[in-house]
């Protein structure tokens, strides 16, 4: 038997084009899906890689913060040590000054004048004593005023044979300025 095509050739051509269209549509859809999957995988991979870098940076930042804390502790310790060294140097420097002050007092004291009390607070000396005459107190004050180690003697009281005066030490101020 023979095959007779009763459909017109245009319908057959249209059917063929429809099949091609659907085939292309299916292939394009499959290609789009495959491309989307690859793109999503690549994006996830990049996100994971960035998260790992962020975690590494966070860990490094934590280490650096610990080091900064250690450095701050060392700086504080260094400042404390510097303060102690300065105090020790001041003590070493001021140690001979006390002897010099007493030596200057001994040189300035005239005969007939005696100290009953000598006190020092910071750079100020307070002197109490007994004198045979008021002129000896004024001689003491002149001697202290002429000394390079003392300034501004101030007589507080003179009652009978007792006196009370104060004087400031200048050598300490001069030494500290140097």
Protein backbone atom coordinates (compact mmCIF):
# COMPACT_ATOMS: atom_id res chain seq x y z
CA UNK A 1 0.00 0.00 0.00
CA UNK A 2 1.12 3.36 -0.66
CA UNK A 3 1.44 6.24 1.68
CA UNK A 4 -0.52 9.16 0.74
CA UNK A 5 0.08 12.29 2.61
CA UNK A 6 -3.19 14.00 2.98
CA UNK A 7 -1.89 16.87 5.09
CA UNK A 8 -0.76 19.80 3.20
CA UNK A 9 2.94 20.40 3.22
CA UNK A 10 2.48 23.73 5.06
CA UNK A 11 0.94 22.09 8.08
CA UNK A 12 3.76 19.65 8.14
CA UNK A 13 6.25 22.48 7.97
CA UNK A 14 4.44 24.30 10.78
CA UNK A 15 4.54 21.16 12.91
CA UNK A 16 8.23 20.81 12.21
CA UNK A 17 8.84 24.44 13.26
CA UNK A 18 6.79 23.91 16.44
CA UNK A 19 8.90 20.86 17.31
CA UNK A 20 12.06 22.83 16.64
CA UNK A 21 10.76 25.73 18.74
CA UNK A 22 9.90 23.45 21.67
CA UNK A 23 13.22 21.67 21.32
CA UNK A 24 15.06 24.97 21.38
CA UNK A 25 12.89 26.12 24.29
CA UNK A 26 13.68 22.95 26.25
CA UNK A 27 17.38 23.21 25.41
CA UNK A 28 17.44 26.89 26.40
CA UNK A 29 15.67 26.05 29.66
CA UNK A 30 18.13 23.26 30.39
CA UNK A 31 21.04 25.58 29.54
CA UNK A 32 19.58 28.30 31.80
CA UNK A 33 19.15 25.81 34.64
CA UNK A 34 22.68 24.45 34.24
CA UNK A 35 24.08 27.99 34.06
CA UNK A 36 22.11 29.00 37.17
CA UNK A 37 23.38 25.98 39.08
CA UNK A 38 26.99 26.74 38.09
CA UNK A 39 26.54 30.43 38.98
CA UNK A 40 25.00 29.56 42.37
CA UNK A 41 27.83 27.10 43.10
CA UNK A 42 30.44 29.69 42.18
CA UNK A 43 28.69 32.34 44.30
CA UNK A 44 28.45 29.96 47.26
CA UNK A 45 32.10 29.12 46.81
CA UNK A 46 33.03 32.80 46.82
CA UNK A 47 30.86 33.44 49.88
CA UNK A 48 32.48 30.54 51.74
CA UNK A 49 35.92 31.76 50.72
CA UNK A 50 35.11 35.26 51.97
CA UNK A 51 33.76 33.87 55.25
CA UNK A 52 37.02 31.96 55.73
CA UNK A 53 39.00 35.14 55.06
CA UNK A 54 36.78 37.06 57.50
CA UNK A 55 37.30 34.38 60.15
CA UNK A 56 41.04 34.50 59.58
CA UNK A 57 41.03 38.29 59.85
CA UNK A 58 38.92 38.13 63.02
CA UNK A 59 41.38 35.68 64.55
CA UNK A 60 44.34 37.87 63.57
CA UNK A 61 42.61 40.96 64.95
CA UNK A 62 42.03 39.15 68.26
CA UNK A 63 45.73 38.24 68.39
CA UNK A 64 46.72 41.82 67.65
CA UNK A 65 44.35 43.14 70.31
CA UNK A 66 46.01 40.82 72.84
CA UNK A 67 49.40 42.13 71.75
CA UNK A 68 48.15 45.72 72.10
CA UNK A 69 46.97 44.93 75.64
CA UNK A 70 50.38 43.47 76.43
CA UNK A 71 52.06 46.57 75.01
CA UNK A 72 49.83 48.79 77.15
CA UNK A 73 50.75 46.74 80.21
CA UNK A 74 54.42 47.09 79.31
CA UNK A 75 54.03 50.84 78.83
CA UNK A 76 52.34 51.14 82.21
CA UNK A 77 55.10 49.07 83.78
CA UNK A 78 57.72 51.22 82.05
CA UNK A 79 56.10 54.41 83.34
CA UNK A 80 56.05 52.97 86.86
CA UNK A 81 59.71 52.05 86.58
CA UNK A 82 60.58 55.49 85.22
CA UNK A 83 58.73 57.07 88.13
CA UNK A 84 60.65 54.90 90.59
CA UNK A 85 63.93 55.73 88.89
CA UNK A 86 63.13 59.45 89.08
CA UNK A 87 62.28 59.15 92.76
CA UNK A 88 65.51 57.28 93.44
CA UNK A 89 67.51 59.86 91.46
CA UNK A 90 65.85 62.69 93.39
CA UNK A 91 66.66 60.96 96.65
CA UNK A 92 70.24 60.44 95.53
CA UNK A 93 70.48 64.07 94.48
CA UNK A 94 68.87 65.46 97.65
CA UNK A 95 70.84 63.29 100.05
CA UNK A 96 73.88 65.60 100.23
CA UNK A 97 71.65 68.69 100.38
CA UNK A 98 70.51 67.93 103.91
CA UNK A 99 74.12 67.85 105.06
CA UNK A 100 74.75 71.12 103.26
CA UNK A 101 71.74 72.76 104.93
CA UNK A 102 72.90 71.72 108.38
CA UNK A 103 76.41 72.93 107.56
CA UNK A 104 75.01 76.32 106.52
CA UNK A 105 72.99 76.52 109.75
CA UNK A 106 76.12 75.80 111.79
CA UNK A 107 78.03 78.56 109.96
CA UNK A 108 75.19 81.05 110.35
CA UNK A 109 74.58 80.55 114.08
CA UNK A 110 76.36 83.22 116.15
CA UNK A 111 77.66 82.55 119.65
CA UNK A 112 75.08 82.89 122.36
CA UNK A 113 72.27 81.50 120.22
CA UNK A 114 71.07 77.90 120.54
CA UNK A 115 68.53 75.88 118.60
CA UNK A 116 65.98 73.92 120.61
CA UNK A 117 63.99 72.71 117.62
CA UNK A 118 64.73 72.47 113.89
CA UNK A 119 62.07 71.11 111.53
CA UNK A 120 61.88 70.84 107.76
CA UNK A 121 58.76 70.57 105.64
CA UNK A 122 59.37 70.49 101.87
CA UNK A 123 61.73 73.42 101.28
CA UNK A 124 60.87 75.38 104.44
CA UNK A 125 62.77 75.16 107.72
CA UNK A 126 61.28 76.17 111.07
CA UNK A 127 63.74 77.07 113.83
CA UNK A 128 63.04 77.57 117.51
CA UNK A 129 65.69 78.37 120.00
CA UNK A 130 67.12 80.35 122.89
CA UNK A 131 69.21 83.50 122.55
CA UNK A 132 71.19 85.74 124.91
CA UNK A 133 70.09 88.88 123.03
CA UNK A 134 67.85 89.93 120.17
CA UNK A 135 70.84 91.19 118.19
CA UNK A 136 72.07 87.60 117.88
CA UNK A 137 68.74 86.65 116.27
CA UNK A 138 69.11 89.49 113.78
CA UNK A 139 72.70 88.35 113.07
CA UNK A 140 71.38 84.83 112.41
CA UNK A 141 68.73 86.22 110.05
CA UNK A 142 71.30 88.32 108.16
CA UNK A 143 73.60 85.31 107.84
CA UNK A 144 70.77 83.12 106.53
CA UNK A 145 69.71 85.83 104.09
CA UNK A 146 73.26 86.18 102.73
CA UNK A 147 73.62 82.42 102.31
CA UNK A 148 73.18 80.96 98.82
CA UNK A 149 71.27 78.07 100.33
CA UNK A 150 68.53 80.02 102.14
CA UNK A 151 66.26 82.95 101.38
CA UNK A 152 63.57 85.05 103.04
CA UNK A 153 64.15 84.41 106.75
CA UNK A 154 60.97 85.30 108.61
CA UNK A 155 60.98 85.98 112.33
CA UNK A 156 57.71 84.81 113.79
CA UNK A 157 58.09 85.57 117.49
CA UNK A 158 60.65 86.78 120.02
CA UNK A 159 59.57 86.40 123.61
CA UNK A 160 62.17 87.16 126.25
CA UNK A 161 65.07 84.89 125.33
CA UNK A 162 63.14 82.58 123.01
CA UNK A 163 62.69 83.01 119.28
CA UNK A 164 60.82 81.30 116.44
CA UNK A 165 61.72 81.87 112.78
CA UNK A 166 61.28 80.23 109.40
CA UNK A 167 63.50 80.22 106.33
CA UNK A 168 63.13 78.79 102.82
CA UNK A 169 65.74 76.60 101.18
CA UNK A 170 66.73 77.87 97.74
CA UNK A 171 69.39 75.36 96.79
CA UNK A 172 66.76 72.72 96.21
CA UNK A 173 64.90 74.99 93.77
CA UNK A 174 68.12 75.93 91.98
CA UNK A 175 69.20 72.29 91.72
CA UNK A 176 65.85 71.18 90.37
CA UNK A 177 65.90 73.97 87.75
CA UNK A 178 69.27 72.76 86.47
